[in-house]
Amino acid sequence: SDDQSRQLWKMQTLTVLSPQQDVEEEDQEFEEELQRNPYNPKTWFLYIASKVESRPVVRNLICERAVKQLPGSYKIWHSYLTDRIKQCDDLCITDRRFEATNNAFERGLTFMHKMPRIWMMYLEFLMRQHILTRTRRTFDLAMMSLPITQHERLWPLYVKFIRQPGVPPETACRIYRRYIMLEPENVEEQIKFLKSVHRLDEAAVLLTKVVNDQNFVSKRGRSKHKLWTELCNLMCKNPLKVSSLKVDAILRGAIRRYTSEIGYLWTSLA
């Protein structure tokens, strides 16, 4: 719970944020320099780099001290969180070190909430853990925290997330609608997804809008004729599932447009 996480953070802070009582000889120079100037990022970086072969817990302790002194340092947070992710590479996702890394990210985002790269690192890490609700909420929080001009960096990852197994179709469809509002040129991607989750009525409605939009240019290089053919096939093969459209009127419109297909279309209409 949140209360337990805060309590754990307080307990860690008591032990983590002060230098060790027994400083190793090789660390003496760093510790003395940090006592003189604890706000020098270069000293912290060199200190952390000197521990590259040490146990992760040792590096983590130093990094926690560093971000305590320099909470606004993007480089230190990025380096630290990258290391925390690597420490989880060979672990089962139920290992408590995953949640400890999640907590480190959330502390970091208190200060780094305007940094899209940190959000993306955290979101990719959450996706590895298959925590669906938490991941979706974190995506939404990232969208709220970042200016809309940077949302295009998040959307490809968000779309990848909603295609994961286990994401409820209704949730995925709702997120896709938001995505297409921002990037309408990707509507064919949404239509393909809707068909894959058997939302055929919504797919047909969107496809109708596409074929009637004189300015639409297919990103997949498909002609209007191909789009019309897809729409007609979708309606004719799923008459009970496509209920929001006037199928007869649309097919008659297609007959007027594409006389070369008149035989097929009249058969479909019948």
C-alpha atoms as a PDB file:
ATOM      1  CA  SER A   1       0.000   0.000   0.000  1.00  0.00           C
ATOM      2  CA  ASP A   2       0.978   3.664  -0.273  1.00  0.00           C
ATOM      3  CA  ASP A   3       1.367   3.959   3.525  1.00  0.00           C
ATOM      4  CA  GLN A   4       3.646   0.928   3.628  1.00  0.00           C
ATOM      5  CA  SER A   5       5.710   2.295   0.731  1.00  0.00           C
ATOM      6  CA  ARG A   6       6.137   5.650   2.486  1.00  0.00           C
ATOM      7  CA  GLN A   7       7.104   3.938   5.728  1.00  0.00           C
ATOM      8  CA  LEU A   8       9.650   1.775   3.885  1.00  0.00           C
ATOM      9  CA  TRP A   9      11.074   4.863   2.199  1.00  0.00           C
ATOM     10  CA  LYS A  10      11.461   6.609   5.573  1.00  0.00           C
ATOM     11  CA  MET A  11      13.229   3.569   7.020  1.00  0.00           C
ATOM     12  CA  GLN A  12      15.539   3.399   3.994  1.00  0.00           C
ATOM     13  CA  THR A  13      16.228   7.107   4.234  1.00  0.00           C
ATOM     14  CA  LEU A  14      17.489   6.810   7.801  1.00  0.00           C
ATOM     15  CA  THR A  15      20.158   4.339   6.767  1.00  0.00           C
ATOM     16  CA  VAL A  16      20.767   5.226   3.133  1.00  0.00           C
ATOM     17  CA  LEU A  17      21.234   8.950   3.160  1.00  0.00           C
ATOM     18  CA  SER A  18      24.147   9.109   5.594  1.00  0.00           C
ATOM     19  CA  PRO A  19      27.676   7.887   4.839  1.00  0.00           C
ATOM     20  CA  GLN A  20      28.650   4.539   6.265  1.00  0.00           C
ATOM     21  CA  GLN A  21      30.299   4.670   9.651  1.00  0.00           C
ATOM     22  CA  ASP A  22      33.170   2.498   8.501  1.00  0.00           C
ATOM     23  CA  VAL A  23      34.317   4.029   5.229  1.00  0.00           C
ATOM     24  CA  GLU A  24      36.461   1.786   3.088  1.00  0.00           C
ATOM     25  CA  GLU A  25      39.922   3.128   2.365  1.00  0.00           C
ATOM     26  CA  GLU A  26      39.258   3.414  -1.367  1.00  0.00           C
ATOM     27  CA  ASP A  27      36.173   5.538  -0.619  1.00  0.00           C
ATOM     28  CA  GLN A  28      37.863   7.927   1.774  1.00  0.00           C
ATOM     29  CA  GLU A  29      38.753  10.474  -0.885  1.00  0.00           C
ATOM     30  CA  PHE A  30      35.217  10.556  -2.265  1.00  0.00           C
ATOM     31  CA  GLU A  31      33.655  10.845   1.190  1.00  0.00           C
ATOM     32  CA  GLU A  32      35.946  13.689   2.181  1.00  0.00           C
ATOM     33  CA  GLU A  33      35.253  15.543  -1.057  1.00  0.00           C
ATOM     34  CA  LEU A  34      31.500  15.093  -0.576  1.00  0.00           C
ATOM     35  CA  GLN A  35      31.713  16.393   2.963  1.00  0.00           C
ATOM     36  CA  ARG A  36      33.318  19.548   1.564  1.00  0.00           C
ATOM     37  CA  ASN A  37      30.845  19.829  -1.345  1.00  0.00           C
ATOM     38  CA  PRO A  38      27.917  17.396  -1.421  1.00  0.00           C
ATOM     39  CA  TYR A  39      26.385  19.183  -4.444  1.00  0.00           C
ATOM     40  CA  ASN A  40      29.054  18.368  -7.010  1.00  0.00           C
ATOM     41  CA  PRO A  41      27.540  15.911  -9.537  1.00  0.00           C
ATOM     42  CA  LYS A  42      30.948  15.022 -10.970  1.00  0.00           C
ATOM     43  CA  THR A  43      32.112  13.661  -7.603  1.00  0.00           C
ATOM     44  CA  TRP A  44      28.968  11.570  -7.253  1.00  0.00           C
ATOM     45  CA  PHE A  45      29.373  10.184 -10.779  1.00  0.00           C
ATOM     46  CA  LEU A  46      32.986   9.214 -10.169  1.00  0.00           C
ATOM     47  CA  TYR A  47      32.052   7.632  -6.848  1.00  0.00           C
ATOM     48  CA  ILE A  48      29.251   5.606  -8.437  1.00  0.00           C
ATOM     49  CA  ALA A  49      31.482   4.608 -11.377  1.00  0.00           C
ATOM     50  CA  SER A  50      34.120   3.334  -8.951  1.00  0.00           C
ATOM     51  CA  LYS A  51      31.523   0.836  -7.654  1.00  0.00           C
ATOM     52  CA  VAL A  52      30.652  -0.693 -11.016  1.00  0.00           C
ATOM     53  CA  GLU A  53      31.979  -4.082  -9.859  1.00  0.00           C
ATOM     54  CA  SER A  54      30.462  -3.830  -6.383  1.00  0.00           C
ATOM     55  CA  ARG A  55      27.242  -5.450  -5.225  1.00  0.00           C
ATOM     56  CA  PRO A  56      24.106  -3.618  -6.467  1.00  0.00           C
ATOM     57  CA  VAL A  57      23.095  -2.695  -2.937  1.00  0.00           C
ATOM     58  CA  VAL A  58      26.333  -0.700  -2.554  1.00  0.00           C
ATOM     59  CA  ARG A  59      25.709   1.267  -5.750  1.00  0.00           C
ATOM     60  CA  ASN A  60      22.089   1.810  -4.794  1.00  0.00           C
ATOM     61  CA  LEU A  61      23.065   3.254  -1.420  1.00  0.00           C
ATOM     62  CA  ILE A  62      25.430   5.743  -3.031  1.00  0.00           C
ATOM     63  CA  CYS A  63      22.899   6.644  -5.723  1.00  0.00           C
ATOM     64  CA  GLU A  64      20.204   7.254  -3.121  1.00  0.00           C
ATOM     65  CA  ARG A  65      22.554   9.611  -1.292  1.00  0.00           C
ATOM     66  CA  ALA A  66      23.329  11.356  -4.591  1.00  0.00           C
ATOM     67  CA  VAL A  67      19.694  11.966  -5.581  1.00  0.00           C
ATOM     68  CA  LYS A  68      18.954  13.153  -2.057  1.00  0.00           C
ATOM     69  CA  GLN A  69      21.564  15.876  -2.457  1.00  0.00           C
ATOM     70  CA  LEU A  70      20.836  16.555  -6.142  1.00  0.00           C
ATOM     71  CA  PRO A  71      17.161  15.644  -6.720  1.00  0.00           C
ATOM     72  CA  GLY A  72      16.975  17.767  -9.874  1.00  0.00           C
ATOM     73  CA  SER A  73      19.863  16.035 -11.645  1.00  0.00           C
ATOM     74  CA  TYR A  74      18.513  14.244 -14.719  1.00  0.00           C
ATOM     75  CA  LYS A  75      21.842  12.501 -15.367  1.00  0.00           C
ATOM     76  CA  ILE A  76      22.043  10.983 -11.902  1.00  0.00           C
ATOM     77  CA  TRP A  77      18.425   9.821 -11.892  1.00  0.00           C
ATOM     78  CA  HIS A  78      18.733   8.393 -15.418  1.00  0.00           C
ATOM     79  CA  SER A  79      21.941   6.540 -14.550  1.00  0.00           C
ATOM     80  CA  TYR A  80      20.534   5.220 -11.278  1.00  0.00           C
ATOM     81  CA  LEU A  81      17.201   4.051 -12.706  1.00  0.00           C
ATOM     82  CA  THR A  82      18.916   2.428 -15.697  1.00  0.00           C
ATOM     83  CA  ASP A  83      21.074   0.459 -13.263  1.00  0.00           C
ATOM     84  CA  ARG A  84      18.028  -0.538 -11.177  1.00  0.00           C
ATOM     85  CA  ILE A  85      16.324  -1.903 -14.304  1.00  0.00           C
ATOM     86  CA  LYS A  86      19.396  -3.954 -15.246  1.00  0.00           C
ATOM     87  CA  GLN A  87      19.494  -5.404 -11.742  1.00  0.00           C
ATOM     88  CA  CYS A  88      16.061  -6.946 -12.425  1.00  0.00           C
ATOM     89  CA  ASP A  89      16.959  -8.510 -15.774  1.00  0.00           C
ATOM     90  CA  ASP A  90      17.326 -12.079 -14.528  1.00  0.00           C
ATOM     91  CA  LEU A  91      14.734 -11.940 -11.771  1.00  0.00           C
ATOM     92  CA  CYS A  92      11.217 -13.338 -11.588  1.00  0.00           C
ATOM     93  CA  ILE A  93       8.676 -10.506 -11.826  1.00  0.00           C
ATOM     94  CA  THR A  94       7.387 -11.414  -8.371  1.00  0.00           C
ATOM     95  CA  ASP A  95      10.772 -10.587  -6.813  1.00  0.00           C
ATOM     96  CA  ARG A  96      10.499  -7.707  -4.353  1.00  0.00           C
ATOM     97  CA  ARG A  97      13.301  -5.875  -6.179  1.00  0.00           C
ATOM     98  CA  PHE A  98      10.852  -5.104  -8.982  1.00  0.00           C
ATOM     99  CA  GLU A  99       8.611  -3.185  -6.587  1.00  0.00           C
ATOM    100  CA  ALA A 100      11.656  -1.500  -5.036  1.00  0.00           C
ATOM    101  CA  THR A 101      12.596  -0.301  -8.528  1.00  0.00           C
ATOM    102  CA  ASN A 102       9.027   0.872  -9.150  1.00  0.00           C
ATOM    103  CA  ASN A 103       9.261   2.906  -5.952  1.00  0.00           C
ATOM    104  CA  ALA A 104      12.574   4.399  -7.057  1.00  0.00           C
ATOM    105  CA  PHE A 105      10.979   5.486 -10.334  1.00  0.00           C
ATOM    106  CA  GLU A 106       8.051   7.088  -8.552  1.00  0.00           C
ATOM    107  CA  ARG A 107      10.371   9.018  -6.267  1.00  0.00           C
ATOM    108  CA  GLY A 108      12.395  10.104  -9.281  1.00  0.00           C
ATOM    109  CA  LEU A 109       9.326  11.238 -11.193  1.00  0.00           C
ATOM    110  CA  THR A 110       8.487  13.601  -8.351  1.00  0.00           C
ATOM    111  CA  PHE A 111      11.382  15.645  -9.727  1.00  0.00           C
ATOM    112  CA  MET A 112      11.642  14.326 -13.304  1.00  0.00           C
ATOM    113  CA  HIS A 113       7.944  14.576 -14.275  1.00  0.00           C
ATOM    114  CA  LYS A 114       8.763  16.813 -17.267  1.00  0.00           C
ATOM    115  CA  MET A 115      11.266  14.323 -18.675  1.00  0.00           C
ATOM    116  CA  PRO A 116       9.602  11.999 -21.250  1.00  0.00           C
ATOM    117  CA  ARG A 117      12.554   9.605 -21.313  1.00  0.00           C
ATOM    118  CA  ILE A 118      12.172   8.796 -17.601  1.00  0.00           C
ATOM    119  CA  TRP A 119       8.437   8.199 -18.074  1.00  0.00           C
ATOM    120  CA  MET A 120       9.128   5.883 -21.013  1.00  0.00           C
ATOM    121  CA  MET A 121      11.712   3.913 -19.050  1.00  0.00           C
ATOM    122  CA  TYR A 122       9.225   3.428 -16.212  1.00  0.00           C
ATOM    123  CA  LEU A 123       6.353   2.519 -18.539  1.00  0.00           C
ATOM    124  CA  GLU A 124       8.442  -0.087 -20.374  1.00  0.00           C
ATOM    125  CA  PHE A 125       9.493  -1.508 -17.015  1.00  0.00           C
ATOM    126  CA  LEU A 126       5.865  -1.705 -15.836  1.00  0.00           C
ATOM    127  CA  MET A 127       4.864  -3.415 -19.083  1.00  0.00           C
ATOM    128  CA  ARG A 128       7.420  -6.140 -18.336  1.00  0.00           C
ATOM    129  CA  GLN A 129       5.575  -6.800 -15.083  1.00  0.00           C
ATOM    130  CA  HIS A 130       2.115  -7.073 -16.703  1.00  0.00           C
ATOM    131  CA  ILE A 131       0.520  -4.803 -14.091  1.00  0.00           C
ATOM    132  CA  LEU A 132      -2.284  -3.641 -16.361  1.00  0.00           C
ATOM    133  CA  THR A 133      -4.209  -1.122 -14.255  1.00  0.00           C
ATOM    134  CA  ARG A 134      -1.106   0.459 -12.760  1.00  0.00           C
ATOM    135  CA  THR A 135       0.513   0.716 -16.193  1.00  0.00           C
ATOM    136  CA  ARG A 136      -2.574   2.336 -17.751  1.00  0.00           C
ATOM    137  CA  ARG A 137      -2.822   4.848 -14.914  1.00  0.00           C
ATOM    138  CA  THR A 138       0.872   5.657 -15.252  1.00  0.00           C
ATOM    139  CA  PHE A 139       0.445   6.278 -18.982  1.00  0.00           C
ATOM    140  CA  ASP A 140      -2.406   8.677 -18.211  1.00  0.00           C
ATOM    141  CA  LEU A 141      -0.355  10.399 -15.522  1.00  0.00           C
ATOM    142  CA  ALA A 142       2.521  10.807 -17.973  1.00  0.00           C
ATOM    143  CA  MET A 143       0.148  12.365 -20.515  1.00  0.00           C
ATOM    144  CA  MET A 144      -1.097  14.811 -17.899  1.00  0.00           C
ATOM    145  CA  SER A 145       2.432  15.695 -16.782  1.00  0.00           C
ATOM    146  CA  LEU A 146       3.967  16.264 -20.212  1.00  0.00           C
ATOM    147  CA  PRO A 147       3.010  18.974 -22.712  1.00  0.00           C
ATOM    148  CA  ILE A 148       0.879  17.734 -25.610  1.00  0.00           C
ATOM    149  CA  THR A 149       3.758  18.375 -28.010  1.00  0.00           C
ATOM    150  CA  GLN A 150       5.624  15.472 -26.367  1.00  0.00           C
ATOM    151  CA  HIS A 151       2.704  13.024 -26.346  1.00  0.00           C
ATOM    152  CA  GLU A 152       3.745  11.677 -29.744  1.00  0.00           C
ATOM    153  CA  ARG A 153       6.727  10.089 -28.011  1.00  0.00           C
ATOM    154  CA  LEU A 154       4.449   8.139 -25.672  1.00  0.00           C
ATOM    155  CA  TRP A 155       1.683   7.037 -28.010  1.00  0.00           C
ATOM    156  CA  PRO A 156       3.554   4.274 -29.891  1.00  0.00           C
ATOM    157  CA  LEU A 157       4.383   2.700 -26.524  1.00  0.00           C
ATOM    158  CA  TYR A 158       0.800   3.175 -25.278  1.00  0.00           C
ATOM    159  CA  VAL A 159      -0.565   1.459 -28.409  1.00  0.00           C
ATOM    160  CA  LYS A 160       1.908  -1.386 -27.900  1.00  0.00           C
ATOM    161  CA  PHE A 161       0.640  -1.710 -24.323  1.00  0.00           C
ATOM    162  CA  ILE A 162      -3.069  -1.928 -25.222  1.00  0.00           C
ATOM    163  CA  ARG A 163      -2.291  -4.713 -27.689  1.00  0.00           C
ATOM    164  CA  GLN A 164      -0.841  -6.846 -24.915  1.00  0.00           C
ATOM    165  CA  PRO A 165      -2.783  -9.964 -23.889  1.00  0.00           C
ATOM    166  CA  GLY A 166      -5.083  -9.311 -20.971  1.00  0.00           C
ATOM    167  CA  VAL A 167      -5.961  -5.687 -21.734  1.00  0.00           C
ATOM    168  CA  PRO A 168      -9.798  -5.516 -21.841  1.00  0.00           C
ATOM    169  CA  PRO A 169     -11.051  -4.689 -25.370  1.00  0.00           C
ATOM    170  CA  GLU A 170     -13.234  -1.846 -24.099  1.00  0.00           C
ATOM    171  CA  THR A 171     -10.230  -0.235 -22.393  1.00  0.00           C
ATOM    172  CA  ALA A 172      -8.112  -0.680 -25.518  1.00  0.00           C
ATOM    173  CA  CYS A 173     -10.820   0.795 -27.779  1.00  0.00           C
ATOM    174  CA  ARG A 174     -11.264   3.809 -25.508  1.00  0.00           C
ATOM    175  CA  ILE A 175      -7.507   4.502 -25.570  1.00  0.00           C
ATOM    176  CA  TYR A 176      -7.364   4.041 -29.343  1.00  0.00           C
ATOM    177  CA  ARG A 177     -10.087   6.690 -29.782  1.00  0.00           C
ATOM    178  CA  ARG A 178      -7.926   9.149 -27.838  1.00  0.00           C
ATOM    179  CA  TYR A 179      -4.917   8.230 -29.960  1.00  0.00           C
ATOM    180  CA  ILE A 180      -6.736   8.837 -33.242  1.00  0.00           C
ATOM    181  CA  MET A 181      -7.965  12.229 -32.041  1.00  0.00           C
ATOM    182  CA  LEU A 182      -4.313  13.255 -31.866  1.00  0.00           C
ATOM    183  CA  GLU A 183      -3.099  11.333 -34.929  1.00  0.00           C
ATOM    184  CA  PRO A 184      -6.103  10.831 -37.272  1.00  0.00           C
ATOM    185  CA  GLU A 185      -3.841   9.706 -40.120  1.00  0.00           C
ATOM    186  CA  ASN A 186      -3.435   6.392 -38.250  1.00  0.00           C
ATOM    187  CA  VAL A 187      -7.136   5.518 -38.412  1.00  0.00           C
ATOM    188  CA  GLU A 188      -6.438   2.432 -40.577  1.00  0.00           C
ATOM    189  CA  GLU A 189      -4.425   1.039 -37.666  1.00  0.00           C
ATOM    190  CA  GLN A 190      -7.439   1.563 -35.409  1.00  0.00           C
ATOM    191  CA  ILE A 191      -9.791  -0.122 -37.904  1.00  0.00           C
ATOM    192  CA  LYS A 192      -7.492  -3.150 -38.122  1.00  0.00           C
ATOM    193  CA  PHE A 193      -7.413  -3.363 -34.335  1.00  0.00           C
ATOM    194  CA  LEU A 194     -11.203  -3.084 -34.040  1.00  0.00           C
ATOM    195  CA  LYS A 195     -11.624  -5.951 -36.495  1.00  0.00           C
ATOM    196  CA  SER A 196      -9.135  -8.049 -34.513  1.00  0.00           C
ATOM    197  CA  VAL A 197     -11.213  -7.664 -31.333  1.00  0.00           C
ATOM    198  CA  HIS A 198     -14.502  -8.197 -33.217  1.00  0.00           C
ATOM    199  CA  ARG A 199     -15.743  -4.611 -32.825  1.00  0.00           C
ATOM    200  CA  LEU A 200     -17.025  -4.776 -36.392  1.00  0.00           C
ATOM    201  CA  ASP A 201     -19.735  -2.148 -36.118  1.00  0.00           C
ATOM    202  CA  GLU A 202     -17.309   0.519 -34.923  1.00  0.00           C
ATOM    203  CA  ALA A 203     -14.795  -0.571 -37.574  1.00  0.00           C
ATOM    204  CA  ALA A 204     -17.412  -0.196 -40.323  1.00  0.00           C
ATOM    205  CA  VAL A 205     -18.459   3.260 -39.091  1.00  0.00           C
ATOM    206  CA  LEU A 206     -14.840   4.459 -39.152  1.00  0.00           C
ATOM    207  CA  LEU A 207     -14.245   2.929 -42.555  1.00  0.00           C
ATOM    208  CA  THR A 208     -17.325   4.739 -43.900  1.00  0.00           C
ATOM    209  CA  LYS A 209     -15.909   8.047 -42.677  1.00  0.00           C
ATOM    210  CA  VAL A 210     -12.599   7.236 -44.364  1.00  0.00           C
ATOM    211  CA  VAL A 211     -14.094   6.441 -47.791  1.00  0.00           C
ATOM    212  CA  ASN A 212     -16.215   9.599 -47.654  1.00  0.00           C
ATOM    213  CA  ASP A 213     -13.273  11.824 -46.736  1.00  0.00           C
ATOM    214  CA  GLN A 214     -12.002  13.357 -49.972  1.00  0.00           C
ATOM    215  CA  ASN A 215      -8.774  14.448 -48.279  1.00  0.00           C
ATOM    216  CA  PHE A 216      -7.874  11.086 -46.760  1.00  0.00           C
ATOM    217  CA  VAL A 217      -4.582   9.557 -47.903  1.00  0.00           C
ATOM    218  CA  SER A 218      -3.882   5.982 -46.868  1.00  0.00           C
ATOM    219  CA  LYS A 219      -0.610   5.545 -44.961  1.00  0.00           C
ATOM    220  CA  ARG A 220      -0.665   1.939 -46.143  1.00  0.00           C
ATOM    221  CA  GLY A 221      -0.840   3.021 -49.783  1.00  0.00           C
ATOM    222  CA  ARG A 222      -4.350   1.702 -50.396  1.00  0.00           C
ATOM    223  CA  SER A 223      -6.620   3.268 -52.987  1.00  0.00           C
ATOM    224  CA  LYS A 224     -10.172   4.457 -52.313  1.00  0.00           C
ATOM    225  CA  HIS A 225     -11.355   1.511 -54.362  1.00  0.00           C
ATOM    226  CA  LYS A 226      -9.636  -0.941 -52.009  1.00  0.00           C
ATOM    227  CA  LEU A 227     -11.076   0.845 -48.978  1.00  0.00           C
ATOM    228  CA  TRP A 228     -14.571   0.687 -50.487  1.00  0.00           C
ATOM    229  CA  THR A 229     -14.097  -3.025 -51.191  1.00  0.00           C
ATOM    230  CA  GLU A 230     -13.039  -3.606 -47.571  1.00  0.00           C
ATOM    231  CA  LEU A 231     -16.106  -1.753 -46.317  1.00  0.00           C
ATOM    232  CA  CYS A 232     -18.479  -3.671 -48.574  1.00  0.00           C
ATOM    233  CA  ASN A 233     -16.960  -7.010 -47.575  1.00  0.00           C
ATOM    234  CA  LEU A 234     -17.166  -6.100 -43.901  1.00  0.00           C
ATOM    235  CA  MET A 235     -20.842  -5.181 -44.124  1.00  0.00           C
ATOM    236  CA  CYS A 236     -21.905  -8.060 -46.362  1.00  0.00           C
ATOM    237  CA  LYS A 237     -20.139 -10.776 -44.384  1.00  0.00           C
ATOM    238  CA  ASN A 238     -21.336  -9.493 -41.003  1.00  0.00           C
ATOM    239  CA  PRO A 239     -24.890  -8.207 -41.541  1.00  0.00           C
ATOM    240  CA  LEU A 240     -25.944  -8.865 -37.938  1.00  0.00           C
ATOM    241  CA  LYS A 241     -22.894  -7.235 -36.396  1.00  0.00           C
ATOM    242  CA  VAL A 242     -22.878  -4.044 -38.459  1.00  0.00           C
ATOM    243  CA  SER A 243     -26.009  -2.313 -37.210  1.00  0.00           C
ATOM    244  CA  SER A 244     -25.184   1.410 -37.191  1.00  0.00           C
ATOM    245  CA  LEU A 245     -25.034   1.886 -40.955  1.00  0.00           C
ATOM    246  CA  LYS A 246     -27.578   1.922 -43.758  1.00  0.00           C
ATOM    247  CA  VAL A 247     -25.972  -0.921 -45.666  1.00  0.00           C
ATOM    248  CA  ASP A 248     -28.271  -0.748 -48.731  1.00  0.00           C
ATOM    249  CA  ALA A 249     -27.604   2.949 -49.260  1.00  0.00           C
ATOM    250  CA  ILE A 250     -23.843   2.500 -48.918  1.00  0.00           C
ATOM    251  CA  LEU A 251     -23.773  -0.401 -51.383  1.00  0.00           C
ATOM    252  CA  ARG A 252     -25.860   1.540 -53.908  1.00  0.00           C
ATOM    253  CA  GLY A 253     -23.399   4.409 -53.551  1.00  0.00           C
ATOM    254  CA  ALA A 254     -20.529   2.020 -54.248  1.00  0.00           C
ATOM    255  CA  ILE A 255     -22.348   0.707 -57.360  1.00  0.00           C
ATOM    256  CA  ARG A 256     -22.581   4.225 -58.733  1.00  0.00           C
ATOM    257  CA  ARG A 257     -18.884   4.840 -58.084  1.00  0.00           C
ATOM    258  CA  TYR A 258     -17.385   1.569 -59.279  1.00  0.00           C
ATOM    259  CA  THR A 259     -19.194   0.206 -62.306  1.00  0.00           C
ATOM    260  CA  SER A 260     -16.467  -2.411 -62.847  1.00  0.00           C
ATOM    261  CA  GLU A 261     -17.581  -4.098 -59.651  1.00  0.00           C
ATOM    262  CA  ILE A 262     -21.276  -3.800 -60.367  1.00  0.00           C
ATOM    263  CA  GLY A 263     -21.912  -7.548 -60.582  1.00  0.00           C
ATOM    264  CA  TYR A 264     -20.278  -8.300 -57.239  1.00  0.00           C
ATOM    265  CA  LEU A 265     -21.948  -5.342 -55.543  1.00  0.00           C
ATOM    266  CA  TRP A 266     -25.446  -6.178 -56.838  1.00  0.00           C
ATOM    267  CA  THR A 267     -24.967  -9.728 -55.599  1.00  0.00           C
ATOM    268  CA  SER A 268     -23.942  -8.359 -52.193  1.00  0.00           C
ATOM    269  CA  LEU A 269     -26.980  -6.094 -52.135  1.00  0.00           C
ATOM    270  CA  ALA A 270     -29.274  -8.991 -52.893  1.00  0.00           C
END
